[in-house]
PDB file of N, CA and C in Angstrom:
ATOM      1  N   UNK A   1       0.949  -1.268   0.138  1.00  0.00           N
ATOM      2  CA  UNK A   1      -0.039  -0.017   0.060  1.00  0.00           C
ATOM      3  C   UNK A   1       0.859   1.413  -0.020  1.00  0.00           C
ATOM      4  N   UNK A   2       0.451   2.235  -0.700  1.00  0.00           N
ATOM      5  CA  UNK A   2       1.319   3.455  -0.994  1.00  0.00           C
ATOM      6  C   UNK A   2       1.235   4.513   0.181  1.00  0.00           C
ATOM      7  N   UNK A   3       1.919   5.268   0.596  1.00  0.00           N
ATOM      8  CA  UNK A   3       1.759   6.077   1.574  1.00  0.00           C
ATOM      9  C   UNK A   3       0.666   7.195   0.879  1.00  0.00           C
ATOM     10  N   UNK A   4       0.037   7.799   1.789  1.00  0.00           N
ATOM     11  CA  UNK A   4      -0.776   9.086   1.218  1.00  0.00           C
ATOM     12  C   UNK A   4       0.083  10.319   1.021  1.00  0.00           C
ATOM     13  N   UNK A   5       1.012  10.434   1.554  1.00  0.00           N
ATOM     14  CA  UNK A   5       1.600  11.830   1.462  1.00  0.00           C
ATOM     15  C   UNK A   5       2.477  11.556   0.294  1.00  0.00           C
ATOM     16  N   UNK A   6       2.927  10.428  -0.344  1.00  0.00           N
ATOM     17  CA  UNK A   6       3.852  10.006  -1.318  1.00  0.00           C
ATOM     18  C   UNK A   6       2.827  10.477  -2.509  1.00  0.00           C
ATOM     19  N   UNK A   7       1.577   9.680  -2.096  1.00  0.00           N
ATOM     20  CA  UNK A   7       0.766   9.996  -3.632  1.00  0.00           C
ATOM     21  C   UNK A   7       0.341  11.401  -3.648  1.00  0.00           C
ATOM     22  N   UNK A   8       0.184  11.986  -2.946  1.00  0.00           N
ATOM     23  CA  UNK A   8      -0.234  13.561  -3.057  1.00  0.00           C
ATOM     24  C   UNK A   8       0.930  14.539  -3.421  1.00  0.00           C
ATOM     25  N   UNK A   9       2.135  14.125  -3.005  1.00  0.00           N
ATOM     26  CA  UNK A   9       3.456  14.783  -3.467  1.00  0.00           C
ATOM     27  C   UNK A   9       3.801  14.348  -4.936  1.00  0.00           C
ATOM     28  N   UNK A  10       3.190  13.222  -5.305  1.00  0.00           N
ATOM     29  CA  UNK A  10       3.552  12.768  -6.896  1.00  0.00           C
ATOM     30  C   UNK A  10       2.118  13.701  -7.535  1.00  0.00           C
ATOM     31  N   UNK A  11       1.304  13.670  -7.026  1.00  0.00           N
ATOM     32  CA  UNK A  11       0.211  14.569  -7.758  1.00  0.00           C
ATOM     33  C   UNK A  11       0.453  15.832  -7.889  1.00  0.00           C
ATOM     34  N   UNK A  12       1.088  16.588  -6.944  1.00  0.00           N
ATOM     35  CA  UNK A  12       1.420  17.864  -7.144  1.00  0.00           C
ATOM     36  C   UNK A  12       2.739  18.224  -8.166  1.00  0.00           C
ATOM     37  N   UNK A  13       3.470  17.040  -8.011  1.00  0.00           N
ATOM     38  CA  UNK A  13       4.579  17.175  -8.720  1.00  0.00           C
ATOM     39  C   UNK A  13       3.899  17.096 -10.259  1.00  0.00           C
ATOM     40  N   UNK A  14       3.256  16.255 -10.674  1.00  0.00           N
ATOM     41  CA  UNK A  14       2.389  16.173 -11.899  1.00  0.00           C
ATOM     42  C   UNK A  14       1.984  17.512 -12.496  1.00  0.00           C
ATOM     43  N   UNK A  15       0.963  18.031 -11.507  1.00  0.00           N
ATOM     44  CA  UNK A  15       0.647  19.309 -11.872  1.00  0.00           C
ATOM     45  C   UNK A  15       1.396  20.169 -12.194  1.00  0.00           C
ATOM     46  N   UNK A  16       2.708  20.450 -11.279  1.00  0.00           N
ATOM     47  CA  UNK A  16       3.730  21.378 -11.403  1.00  0.00           C
ATOM     48  C   UNK A  16       4.557  21.235 -12.872  1.00  0.00           C
ATOM     49  N   UNK A  17       4.515  20.102 -13.242  1.00  0.00           N
ATOM     50  CA  UNK A  17       5.272  19.694 -14.800  1.00  0.00           C
ATOM     51  C   UNK A  17       4.122  20.192 -15.770  1.00  0.00           C
ATOM     52  N   UNK A  18       2.997  19.863 -15.714  1.00  0.00           N
ATOM     53  CA  UNK A  18       1.741  20.398 -16.574  1.00  0.00           C
ATOM     54  C   UNK A  18       1.883  21.829 -16.355  1.00  0.00           C
ATOM     55  N   UNK A  19       2.029  22.718 -15.319  1.00  0.00           N
ATOM     56  CA  UNK A  19       2.116  24.119 -15.432  1.00  0.00           C
ATOM     57  C   UNK A  19       3.460  24.473 -16.277  1.00  0.00           C
ATOM     58  N   UNK A  20       4.605  23.764 -15.890  1.00  0.00           N
ATOM     59  CA  UNK A  20       5.738  24.032 -16.640  1.00  0.00           C
ATOM     60  C   UNK A  20       5.638  23.716 -17.995  1.00  0.00           C
ATOM     61  N   UNK A  21       4.892  22.941 -18.343  1.00  0.00           N
ATOM     62  CA  UNK A  21       4.799  22.420 -19.901  1.00  0.00           C
ATOM     63  C   UNK A  21       3.878  23.653 -20.650  1.00  0.00           C
ATOM     64  N   UNK A  22       2.653  23.977 -19.966  1.00  0.00           N
ATOM     65  CA  UNK A  22       2.165  25.002 -20.351  1.00  0.00           C
ATOM     66  C   UNK A  22       2.948  26.478 -20.652  1.00  0.00           C
ATOM     67  N   UNK A  23       3.505  26.822 -19.255  1.00  0.00           N
ATOM     68  CA  UNK A  23       4.388  28.187 -19.474  1.00  0.00           C
ATOM     69  C   UNK A  23       5.503  28.051 -20.357  1.00  0.00           C
ATOM     70  N   UNK A  24       5.934  26.878 -20.900  1.00  0.00           N
ATOM     71  CA  UNK A  24       7.108  26.686 -21.907  1.00  0.00           C
ATOM     72  C   UNK A  24       6.432  27.213 -23.119  1.00  0.00           C
ATOM     73  N   UNK A  25       5.560  26.631 -23.523  1.00  0.00           N
ATOM     74  CA  UNK A  25       4.809  26.783 -24.634  1.00  0.00           C
ATOM     75  C   UNK A  25       4.057  28.226 -24.931  1.00  0.00           C
ATOM     76  N   UNK A  26       3.764  28.576 -23.916  1.00  0.00           N
ATOM     77  CA  UNK A  26       3.204  29.992 -23.702  1.00  0.00           C
ATOM     78  C   UNK A  26       4.405  31.022 -24.186  1.00  0.00           C
ATOM     79  N   UNK A  27       5.446  30.797 -23.472  1.00  0.00           N
ATOM     80  CA  UNK A  27       6.939  31.613 -23.584  1.00  0.00           C
ATOM     81  C   UNK A  27       7.051  31.830 -24.953  1.00  0.00           C
ATOM     82  N   UNK A  28       7.264  30.260 -25.621  1.00  0.00           N
ATOM     83  CA  UNK A  28       7.795  30.042 -26.897  1.00  0.00           C
ATOM     84  C   UNK A  28       6.724  30.762 -27.773  1.00  0.00           C
ATOM     85  N   UNK A  29       5.371  30.917 -27.533  1.00  0.00           N
ATOM     86  CA  UNK A  29       4.383  31.506 -28.683  1.00  0.00           C
ATOM     87  C   UNK A  29       4.271  33.037 -28.105  1.00  0.00           C
ATOM     88  N   UNK A  30       4.390  33.655 -27.358  1.00  0.00           N
ATOM     89  CA  UNK A  30       4.035  35.073 -27.085  1.00  0.00           C
ATOM     90  C   UNK A  30       5.414  35.575 -26.320  1.00  0.00           C
ATOM     91  N   UNK A  31       6.583  35.412 -26.182  1.00  0.00           N
ATOM     92  CA  UNK A  31       7.619  35.879 -25.835  1.00  0.00           C
ATOM     93  C   UNK A  31       7.398  36.296 -24.473  1.00  0.00           C
ATOM     94  N   UNK A  32       6.926  35.811 -23.408  1.00  0.00           N
ATOM     95  CA  UNK A  32       6.308  36.062 -22.196  1.00  0.00           C
ATOM     96  C   UNK A  32       6.223  35.022 -21.225  1.00  0.00           C
ATOM     97  N   UNK A  33       6.977  35.295 -20.072  1.00  0.00           N
ATOM     98  CA  UNK A  33       6.635  34.201 -19.155  1.00  0.00           C
ATOM     99  C   UNK A  33       5.355  34.148 -18.557  1.00  0.00           C
ATOM    100  N   UNK A  34       4.987  33.452 -17.663  1.00  0.00           N
ATOM    101  CA  UNK A  34       3.529  33.305 -17.288  1.00  0.00           C
ATOM    102  C   UNK A  34       3.087  34.393 -16.375  1.00  0.00           C
ATOM    103  N   UNK A  35       3.877  34.998 -15.426  1.00  0.00           N
ATOM    104  CA  UNK A  35       3.697  35.842 -14.635  1.00  0.00           C
ATOM    105  C   UNK A  35       3.808  37.154 -15.618  1.00  0.00           C
ATOM    106  N   UNK A  36       4.222  37.272 -16.514  1.00  0.00           N
ATOM    107  CA  UNK A  36       4.000  38.402 -17.532  1.00  0.00           C
ATOM    108  C   UNK A  36       2.815  38.411 -18.324  1.00  0.00           C
ATOM    109  N   UNK A  37       2.319  37.501 -18.579  1.00  0.00           N
ATOM    110  CA  UNK A  37       1.273  37.464 -19.207  1.00  0.00           C
ATOM    111  C   UNK A  37       0.137  37.775 -18.193  1.00  0.00           C
ATOM    112  N   UNK A  38       0.148  37.072 -16.929  1.00  0.00           N
ATOM    113  CA  UNK A  38      -0.838  37.479 -15.899  1.00  0.00           C
ATOM    114  C   UNK A  38      -1.034  38.803 -15.598  1.00  0.00           C
ATOM    115  N   UNK A  39       0.330  39.565 -15.502  1.00  0.00           N
ATOM    116  CA  UNK A  39       0.092  41.197 -15.287  1.00  0.00           C
ATOM    117  C   UNK A  39      -0.269  41.857 -16.344  1.00  0.00           C
ATOM    118  N   UNK A  40       0.026  41.561 -17.626  1.00  0.00           N
ATOM    119  CA  UNK A  40      -0.754  42.192 -18.794  1.00  0.00           C
ATOM    120  C   UNK A  40      -2.341  41.817 -18.656  1.00  0.00           C
ATOM    121  N   UNK A  41      -2.940  40.571 -18.347  1.00  0.00           N
ATOM    122  CA  UNK A  41      -4.246  40.374 -18.146  1.00  0.00           C
ATOM    123  C   UNK A  41      -4.931  41.328 -17.026  1.00  0.00           C
ATOM    124  N   UNK A  42      -4.127  41.310 -15.835  1.00  0.00           N
ATOM    125  CA  UNK A  42      -4.342  42.060 -14.864  1.00  0.00           C
ATOM    126  C   UNK A  42      -4.596  43.668 -14.982  1.00  0.00           C
ATOM    127  N   UNK A  43      -3.853  44.151 -16.056  1.00  0.00           N
ATOM    128  CA  UNK A  43      -3.942  45.695 -16.402  1.00  0.00           C
ATOM    129  C   UNK A  43      -4.827  45.860 -17.721  1.00  0.00           C
ATOM    130  N   UNK A  44      -5.425  44.922 -17.711  1.00  0.00           N
ATOM    131  CA  UNK A  44      -6.390  44.986 -19.136  1.00  0.00           C
ATOM    132  C   UNK A  44      -7.346  46.097 -18.753  1.00  0.00           C
ATOM    133  N   UNK A  45      -8.116  46.064 -17.942  1.00  0.00           N
ATOM    134  CA  UNK A  45      -9.255  47.089 -17.631  1.00  0.00           C
ATOM    135  C   UNK A  45      -8.963  48.065 -16.743  1.00  0.00           C
ATOM    136  N   UNK A  46      -8.054  48.294 -15.894  1.00  0.00           N
ATOM    137  CA  UNK A  46      -7.448  49.232 -15.053  1.00  0.00           C
ATOM    138  C   UNK A  46      -6.096  49.251 -14.911  1.00  0.00           C
ATOM    139  N   UNK A  47      -5.763  50.407 -14.047  1.00  0.00           N
ATOM    140  CA  UNK A  47      -4.415  50.765 -13.778  1.00  0.00           C
ATOM    141  C   UNK A  47      -4.277  50.295 -12.125  1.00  0.00           C
ATOM    142  N   UNK A  48      -3.048  49.871 -11.890  1.00  0.00           N
ATOM    143  CA  UNK A  48      -2.679  49.231 -10.703  1.00  0.00           C
ATOM    144  C   UNK A  48      -1.406  49.957 -10.084  1.00  0.00           C
ATOM    145  N   UNK A  49      -1.272  49.742  -8.862  1.00  0.00           N
ATOM    146  CA  UNK A  49       0.205  50.273  -8.252  1.00  0.00           C
ATOM    147  C   UNK A  49       0.878  48.700  -8.279  1.00  0.00           C
ATOM    148  N   UNK A  50       2.387  48.992  -8.070  1.00  0.00           N
ATOM    149  CA  UNK A  50       2.946  47.524  -7.743  1.00  0.00           C
ATOM    150  C   UNK A  50       2.306  46.808  -6.769  1.00  0.00           C
ATOM    151  N   UNK A  51       2.143  47.413  -5.594  1.00  0.00           N
ATOM    152  CA  UNK A  51       1.711  46.795  -4.369  1.00  0.00           C
ATOM    153  C   UNK A  51       0.305  45.928  -4.596  1.00  0.00           C
ATOM    154  N   UNK A  52      -0.447  46.341  -5.593  1.00  0.00           N
ATOM    155  CA  UNK A  52      -1.627  45.816  -5.870  1.00  0.00           C
ATOM    156  C   UNK A  52      -1.495  44.894  -6.658  1.00  0.00           C
ATOM    157  N   UNK A  53      -0.511  44.997  -7.682  1.00  0.00           N
ATOM    158  CA  UNK A  53      -0.078  43.920  -8.514  1.00  0.00           C
ATOM    159  C   UNK A  53       0.417  42.754  -8.139  1.00  0.00           C
ATOM    160  N   UNK A  54       1.270  42.995  -6.750  1.00  0.00           N
ATOM    161  CA  UNK A  54       1.882  41.797  -6.144  1.00  0.00           C
ATOM    162  C   UNK A  54       0.769  41.090  -5.499  1.00  0.00           C
ATOM    163  N   UNK A  55      -0.351  41.757  -4.863  1.00  0.00           N
ATOM    164  CA  UNK A  55      -1.550  41.157  -4.562  1.00  0.00           C
ATOM    165  C   UNK A  55      -2.237  40.134  -5.597  1.00  0.00           C
ATOM    166  N   UNK A  56      -2.500  40.990  -6.596  1.00  0.00           N
ATOM    167  CA  UNK A  56      -3.171  40.142  -7.950  1.00  0.00           C
ATOM    168  C   UNK A  56      -2.434  38.940  -8.284  1.00  0.00           C
ATOM    169  N   UNK A  57      -1.165  39.048  -8.455  1.00  0.00           N
ATOM    170  CA  UNK A  57      -0.317  37.968  -8.890  1.00  0.00           C
ATOM    171  C   UNK A  57       0.101  36.986  -8.107  1.00  0.00           C
ATOM    172  N   UNK A  58      -0.197  37.346  -6.793  1.00  0.00           N
ATOM    173  CA  UNK A  58       0.460  36.691  -5.535  1.00  0.00           C
ATOM    174  C   UNK A  58       1.777  36.370  -5.554  1.00  0.00           C
ATOM    175  N   UNK A  59       2.592  37.424  -5.677  1.00  0.00           N
ATOM    176  CA  UNK A  59       3.932  37.233  -5.868  1.00  0.00           C
ATOM    177  C   UNK A  59       4.626  38.190  -4.850  1.00  0.00           C
ATOM    178  N   UNK A  60       5.731  37.988  -4.234  1.00  0.00           N
ATOM    179  CA  UNK A  60       6.198  38.729  -3.218  1.00  0.00           C
ATOM    180  C   UNK A  60       6.766  40.221  -4.322  1.00  0.00           C
ATOM    181  N   UNK A  61       6.777  41.180  -3.203  1.00  0.00           N
ATOM    182  CA  UNK A  61       6.903  42.671  -4.054  1.00  0.00           C
ATOM    183  C   UNK A  61       8.416  42.548  -4.877  1.00  0.00           C
ATOM    184  N   UNK A  62       9.287  41.973  -4.249  1.00  0.00           N
ATOM    185  CA  UNK A  62      10.671  41.846  -4.928  1.00  0.00           C
ATOM    186  C   UNK A  62      10.293  41.337  -6.513  1.00  0.00           C
ATOM    187  N   UNK A  63       9.714  40.145  -6.466  1.00  0.00           N
ATOM    188  CA  UNK A  63       9.547  39.375  -7.534  1.00  0.00           C
ATOM    189  C   UNK A  63       8.294  40.386  -8.488  1.00  0.00           C
ATOM    190  N   UNK A  64       7.678  40.856  -8.118  1.00  0.00           N
ATOM    191  CA  UNK A  64       6.401  41.578  -8.850  1.00  0.00           C
ATOM    192  C   UNK A  64       7.286  42.841  -9.419  1.00  0.00           C
ATOM    193  N   UNK A  65       8.273  43.453  -8.623  1.00  0.00           N
ATOM    194  CA  UNK A  65       9.248  44.561  -9.290  1.00  0.00           C
ATOM    195  C   UNK A  65       9.984  43.656 -10.642  1.00  0.00           C
ATOM    196  N   UNK A  66      10.590  42.800 -10.580  1.00  0.00           N
ATOM    197  CA  UNK A  66      11.032  42.473 -11.534  1.00  0.00           C
ATOM    198  C   UNK A  66      10.379  42.072 -12.544  1.00  0.00           C
ATOM    199  N   UNK A  67       9.220  41.391 -12.373  1.00  0.00           N
ATOM    200  CA  UNK A  67       8.060  41.262 -13.529  1.00  0.00           C
ATOM    201  C   UNK A  67       7.854  42.531 -14.180  1.00  0.00           C
ATOM    202  N   UNK A  68       7.398  43.440 -13.270  1.00  0.00           N
ATOM    203  CA  UNK A  68       7.109  45.054 -14.014  1.00  0.00           C
ATOM    204  C   UNK A  68       8.335  45.382 -14.641  1.00  0.00           C
ATOM    205  N   UNK A  69       9.601  45.498 -14.295  1.00  0.00           N
ATOM    206  CA  UNK A  69      10.584  45.828 -14.621  1.00  0.00           C
ATOM    207  C   UNK A  69      10.937  44.939 -16.418  1.00  0.00           C
ATOM    208  N   UNK A  70      10.704  43.806 -16.414  1.00  0.00           N
ATOM    209  CA  UNK A  70      10.874  42.826 -17.631  1.00  0.00           C
ATOM    210  C   UNK A  70       9.800  43.332 -18.599  1.00  0.00           C
ATOM    211  N   UNK A  71       8.520  43.602 -18.240  1.00  0.00           N
ATOM    212  CA  UNK A  71       7.374  44.073 -18.986  1.00  0.00           C
ATOM    213  C   UNK A  71       7.593  45.568 -19.564  1.00  0.00           C
ATOM    214  N   UNK A  72       7.979  46.421 -18.816  1.00  0.00           N
ATOM    215  CA  UNK A  72       8.518  47.957 -18.928  1.00  0.00           C
ATOM    216  C   UNK A  72       9.538  47.797 -19.994  1.00  0.00           C
ATOM    217  N   UNK A  73      10.481  46.707 -19.861  1.00  0.00           N
ATOM    218  CA  UNK A  73      11.621  47.000 -21.005  1.00  0.00           C
ATOM    219  C   UNK A  73      11.042  46.310 -22.465  1.00  0.00           C
ATOM    220  N   UNK A  74      10.080  45.582 -22.447  1.00  0.00           N
ATOM    221  CA  UNK A  74       9.525  45.233 -23.614  1.00  0.00           C
ATOM    222  C   UNK A  74       8.597  46.316 -24.199  1.00  0.00           C
ATOM    223  N   UNK A  75       8.237  47.427 -23.381  1.00  0.00           N
ATOM    224  CA  UNK A  75       7.304  48.424 -23.809  1.00  0.00           C
ATOM    225  C   UNK A  75       5.833  48.001 -23.830  1.00  0.00           C
ATOM    226  N   UNK A  76       5.413  47.222 -23.022  1.00  0.00           N
ATOM    227  CA  UNK A  76       4.385  46.557 -22.916  1.00  0.00           C
ATOM    228  C   UNK A  76       3.343  47.564 -21.655  1.00  0.00           C
ATOM    229  N   UNK A  77       3.898  48.154 -20.886  1.00  0.00           N
ATOM    230  CA  UNK A  77       3.480  48.660 -19.782  1.00  0.00           C
ATOM    231  C   UNK A  77       4.021  49.988 -19.420  1.00  0.00           C
ATOM    232  N   UNK A  78       3.562  51.063 -19.316  1.00  0.00           N
ATOM    233  CA  UNK A  78       4.066  52.245 -18.654  1.00  0.00           C
ATOM    234  C   UNK A  78       3.482  52.855 -17.457  1.00  0.00           C
ATOM    235  N   UNK A  79       4.293  53.429 -16.537  1.00  0.00           N
ATOM    236  CA  UNK A  79       4.217  54.138 -15.356  1.00  0.00           C
ATOM    237  C   UNK A  79       3.349  55.527 -15.563  1.00  0.00           C
ATOM    238  N   UNK A  80       2.409  55.803 -14.816  1.00  0.00           N
ATOM    239  CA  UNK A  80       1.686  57.068 -14.693  1.00  0.00           C
ATOM    240  C   UNK A  80       1.781  57.587 -13.005  1.00  0.00           C
ATOM    241  N   UNK A  81       1.721  58.899 -12.978  1.00  0.00           N
ATOM    242  CA  UNK A  81       1.456  59.463 -11.819  1.00  0.00           C
ATOM    243  C   UNK A  81       0.317  59.489 -11.468  1.00  0.00           C
ATOM    244  N   UNK A  82      -0.023  59.217 -10.059  1.00  0.00           N
ATOM    245  CA  UNK A  82      -1.262  59.195  -9.366  1.00  0.00           C
ATOM    246  C   UNK A  82      -1.929  60.511  -9.399  1.00  0.00           C
ATOM    247  N   UNK A  83      -3.088  60.889  -9.377  1.00  0.00           N
ATOM    248  CA  UNK A  83      -3.580  62.184  -9.494  1.00  0.00           C
ATOM    249  C   UNK A  83      -3.835  62.847  -8.250  1.00  0.00           C
ATOM    250  N   UNK A  84      -4.077  62.069  -7.175  1.00  0.00           N
ATOM    251  CA  UNK A  84      -4.266  62.641  -5.787  1.00  0.00           C
ATOM    252  C   UNK A  84      -3.122  62.522  -5.148  1.00  0.00           C
ATOM    253  N   UNK A  85      -2.329  61.756  -5.375  1.00  0.00           N
ATOM    254  CA  UNK A  85      -0.855  61.555  -4.757  1.00  0.00           C
ATOM    255  C   UNK A  85       0.310  61.372  -5.907  1.00  0.00           C
ATOM    256  N   UNK A  86       0.824  62.457  -6.017  1.00  0.00           N
ATOM    257  CA  UNK A  86       1.957  62.558  -7.046  1.00  0.00           C
ATOM    258  C   UNK A  86       3.104  61.402  -6.585  1.00  0.00           C
ATOM    259  N   UNK A  87       3.239  61.012  -5.403  1.00  0.00           N
ATOM    260  CA  UNK A  87       4.284  60.333  -5.221  1.00  0.00           C
ATOM    261  C   UNK A  87       3.950  58.607  -5.548  1.00  0.00           C
ATOM    262  N   UNK A  88       2.569  58.270  -5.803  1.00  0.00           N
ATOM    263  CA  UNK A  88       2.160  56.961  -6.005  1.00  0.00           C
ATOM    264  C   UNK A  88       2.123  56.815  -7.817  1.00  0.00           C
ATOM    265  N   UNK A  89       2.941  55.578  -8.005  1.00  0.00           N
ATOM    266  CA  UNK A  89       2.874  55.109  -9.558  1.00  0.00           C
ATOM    267  C   UNK A  89       2.044  54.069  -9.727  1.00  0.00           C
ATOM    268  N   UNK A  90       1.445  54.243 -10.744  1.00  0.00           N
ATOM    269  CA  UNK A  90       0.170  53.187 -11.392  1.00  0.00           C
ATOM    270  C   UNK A  90       1.105  52.471 -12.696  1.00  0.00           C
ATOM    271  N   UNK A  91       0.643  51.305 -13.111  1.00  0.00           N
ATOM    272  CA  UNK A  91       1.037  50.852 -14.523  1.00  0.00           C
ATOM    273  C   UNK A  91      -0.217  50.871 -15.141  1.00  0.00           C
ATOM    274  N   UNK A  92      -0.010  50.978 -16.266  1.00  0.00           N
ATOM    275  CA  UNK A  92      -1.083  50.684 -17.524  1.00  0.00           C
ATOM    276  C   UNK A  92      -0.330  50.130 -18.593  1.00  0.00           C
ATOM    277  N   UNK A  93      -1.424  49.552 -19.669  1.00  0.00           N
ATOM    278  CA  UNK A  93      -0.808  48.594 -20.619  1.00  0.00           C
ATOM    279  C   UNK A  93      -0.323  50.243 -21.734  1.00  0.00           C
ATOM    280  N   UNK A  94       0.480  49.609 -22.412  1.00  0.00           N
ATOM    281  CA  UNK A  94       0.612  50.843 -23.610  1.00  0.00           C
ATOM    282  C   UNK A  94       0.099  49.948 -24.757  1.00  0.00           C
ATOM    283  N   UNK A  95       0.029  51.005 -25.776  1.00  0.00           N
ATOM    284  CA  UNK A  95      -0.851  50.211 -27.529  1.00  0.00           C
ATOM    285  C   UNK A  95      -0.211  48.913 -27.417  1.00  0.00           C
ATOM    286  N   UNK A  96       1.129  49.045 -27.544  1.00  0.00           N
ATOM    287  CA  UNK A  96       2.069  47.549 -27.861  1.00  0.00           C
ATOM    288  C   UNK A  96       1.262  46.401 -26.729  1.00  0.00           C
ATOM    289  N   UNK A  97       1.238  46.831 -25.546  1.00  0.00           N
ATOM    290  CA  UNK A  97       0.623  45.951 -24.679  1.00  0.00           C
ATOM    291  C   UNK A  97      -0.886  45.348 -24.734  1.00  0.00           C
ATOM    292  N   UNK A  98      -1.354  46.335 -25.291  1.00  0.00           N
ATOM    293  CA  UNK A  98      -2.920  45.989 -25.566  1.00  0.00           C
ATOM    294  C   UNK A  98      -2.633  44.958 -27.082  1.00  0.00           C
ATOM    295  N   UNK A  99      -2.073  45.515 -27.911  1.00  0.00           N
ATOM    296  CA  UNK A  99      -2.077  44.400 -28.894  1.00  0.00           C
ATOM    297  C   UNK A  99      -1.567  43.044 -28.495  1.00  0.00           C
ATOM    298  N   UNK A 100      -0.391  43.138 -27.559  1.00  0.00           N
ATOM    299  CA  UNK A 100       0.162  41.605 -27.305  1.00  0.00           C
ATOM    300  C   UNK A 100      -0.961  41.018 -26.426  1.00  0.00           C
ATOM    301  N   UNK A 101      -2.071  41.769 -25.551  1.00  0.00           N
ATOM    302  CA  UNK A 101      -2.918  41.140 -24.885  1.00  0.00           C
ATOM    303  C   UNK A 101      -3.832  40.772 -25.618  1.00  0.00           C
ATOM    304  N   UNK A 102      -4.395  41.186 -26.874  1.00  0.00           N
ATOM    305  CA  UNK A 102      -4.992  40.773 -27.993  1.00  0.00           C
ATOM    306  C   UNK A 102      -4.688  39.546 -28.434  1.00  0.00           C
ATOM    307  N   UNK A 103      -3.450  39.716 -28.891  1.00  0.00           N
ATOM    308  CA  UNK A 103      -2.884  38.370 -29.836  1.00  0.00           C
ATOM    309  C   UNK A 103      -3.072  37.187 -28.680  1.00  0.00           C
ATOM    310  N   UNK A 104      -2.679  37.412 -27.356  1.00  0.00           N
ATOM    311  CA  UNK A 104      -2.974  36.328 -26.352  1.00  0.00           C
ATOM    312  C   UNK A 104      -4.375  35.722 -26.431  1.00  0.00           C
ATOM    313  N   UNK A 105      -5.496  36.614 -26.278  1.00  0.00           N
ATOM    314  CA  UNK A 105      -6.866  36.650 -26.254  1.00  0.00           C
ATOM    315  C   UNK A 105      -7.173  35.559 -27.346  1.00  0.00           C
ATOM    316  N   UNK A 106      -6.656  36.053 -28.480  1.00  0.00           N
ATOM    317  CA  UNK A 106      -7.180  35.431 -29.631  1.00  0.00           C
ATOM    318  C   UNK A 106      -6.093  34.112 -30.136  1.00  0.00           C
ATOM    319  N   UNK A 107      -5.294  33.796 -29.240  1.00  0.00           N
ATOM    320  CA  UNK A 107      -4.408  32.456 -29.364  1.00  0.00           C
ATOM    321  C   UNK A 107      -5.351  30.952 -28.910  1.00  0.00           C
ATOM    322  N   UNK A 108      -4.586  30.205 -29.695  1.00  0.00           N
ATOM    323  CA  UNK A 108      -4.989  28.868 -29.131  1.00  0.00           C
ATOM    324  C   UNK A 108      -4.084  28.222 -28.030  1.00  0.00           C
ATOM    325  N   UNK A 109      -4.397  28.088 -26.850  1.00  0.00           N
ATOM    326  CA  UNK A 109      -3.725  27.278 -25.770  1.00  0.00           C
ATOM    327  C   UNK A 109      -3.654  25.836 -25.886  1.00  0.00           C
ATOM    328  N   UNK A 110      -2.624  25.314 -26.211  1.00  0.00           N
ATOM    329  CA  UNK A 110      -2.706  23.698 -25.732  1.00  0.00           C
ATOM    330  C   UNK A 110      -2.561  23.415 -24.269  1.00  0.00           C
ATOM    331  N   UNK A 111      -3.974  23.229 -23.435  1.00  0.00           N
ATOM    332  CA  UNK A 111      -3.958  22.895 -22.022  1.00  0.00           C
ATOM    333  C   UNK A 111      -3.258  21.662 -21.828  1.00  0.00           C
ATOM    334  N   UNK A 112      -2.472  21.483 -20.864  1.00  0.00           N
ATOM    335  CA  UNK A 112      -2.076  20.147 -20.578  1.00  0.00           C
ATOM    336  C   UNK A 112      -3.412  19.124 -20.232  1.00  0.00           C
ATOM    337  N   UNK A 113      -3.485  17.993 -20.614  1.00  0.00           N
ATOM    338  CA  UNK A 113      -4.218  17.063 -20.115  1.00  0.00           C
ATOM    339  C   UNK A 113      -4.699  17.342 -18.534  1.00  0.00           C
ATOM    340  N   UNK A 114      -3.876  17.140 -17.863  1.00  0.00           N
ATOM    341  CA  UNK A 114      -4.229  16.882 -16.361  1.00  0.00           C
ATOM    342  C   UNK A 114      -4.858  18.533 -15.837  1.00  0.00           C
ATOM    343  N   UNK A 115      -4.554  19.762 -16.451  1.00  0.00           N
ATOM    344  CA  UNK A 115      -4.894  20.747 -15.912  1.00  0.00           C
ATOM    345  C   UNK A 115      -6.329  21.093 -16.679  1.00  0.00           C
ATOM    346  N   UNK A 116      -6.790  20.257 -17.660  1.00  0.00           N
ATOM    347  CA  UNK A 116      -8.039  20.762 -18.543  1.00  0.00           C
ATOM    348  C   UNK A 116      -9.544  20.771 -17.776  1.00  0.00           C
ATOM    349  N   UNK A 117      -9.420  19.775 -16.289  1.00  0.00           N
ATOM    350  CA  UNK A 117     -10.698  19.853 -15.532  1.00  0.00           C
ATOM    351  C   UNK A 117     -10.607  21.009 -14.796  1.00  0.00           C
ATOM    352  N   UNK A 118      -9.331  21.779 -14.639  1.00  0.00           N
ATOM    353  CA  UNK A 118      -9.343  22.577 -13.588  1.00  0.00           C
ATOM    354  C   UNK A 118      -9.455  24.286 -14.333  1.00  0.00           C
ATOM    355  N   UNK A 119      -9.528  24.229 -15.771  1.00  0.00           N
ATOM    356  CA  UNK A 119      -9.434  25.325 -16.562  1.00  0.00           C
ATOM    357  C   UNK A 119     -10.727  25.437 -16.919  1.00  0.00           C
ATOM    358  N   UNK A 120     -11.412  26.762 -16.965  1.00  0.00           N
ATOM    359  CA  UNK A 120     -12.594  26.777 -17.559  1.00  0.00           C
ATOM    360  C   UNK A 120     -12.405  27.624 -18.941  1.00  0.00           C
ATOM    361  N   UNK A 121     -12.526  27.433 -19.968  1.00  0.00           N
ATOM    362  CA  UNK A 121     -12.259  27.778 -21.264  1.00  0.00           C
ATOM    363  C   UNK A 121     -13.702  28.367 -21.944  1.00  0.00           C
ATOM    364  N   UNK A 122     -13.666  29.318 -22.674  1.00  0.00           N
ATOM    365  CA  UNK A 122     -14.937  29.806 -23.180  1.00  0.00           C
ATOM    366  C   UNK A 122     -14.848  29.047 -24.729  1.00  0.00           C
ATOM    367  N   UNK A 123     -16.082  28.397 -24.870  1.00  0.00           N
ATOM    368  CA  UNK A 123     -16.256  27.889 -26.296  1.00  0.00           C
ATOM    369  C   UNK A 123     -16.533  28.879 -27.144  1.00  0.00           C
ATOM    370  N   UNK A 124     -16.146  28.982 -28.331  1.00  0.00           N
ATOM    371  CA  UNK A 124     -16.304  29.830 -29.307  1.00  0.00           C
ATOM    372  C   UNK A 124     -17.118  29.474 -30.257  1.00  0.00           C
TER     373      UNK A 124
END
């Protein structure tokens, strides 16, 4: 009889591999890592501060700063100064960022079999 903890650990490993497989194909298709893609999706409808983005992405502030810098270097987002507090910085999509996001929305994702029951996709 197999130990339940080992079974659980192996199942988590399989999920991790499936996510890694998805991210590899996503990066190959769109020249974005998964966190960069999620950042663009987060900025689709509104502006956010770096702290708000960290919360939305589930990343540390340090990792969020790295993702922001990477996407800024690709000219997909830009900084804007807060209206009420000029010290506050917000991030928004550039035109190039909006186009990149549109290309992702129109793309076809190959969802790994293991993740399909977890992912809700819209039928076209």
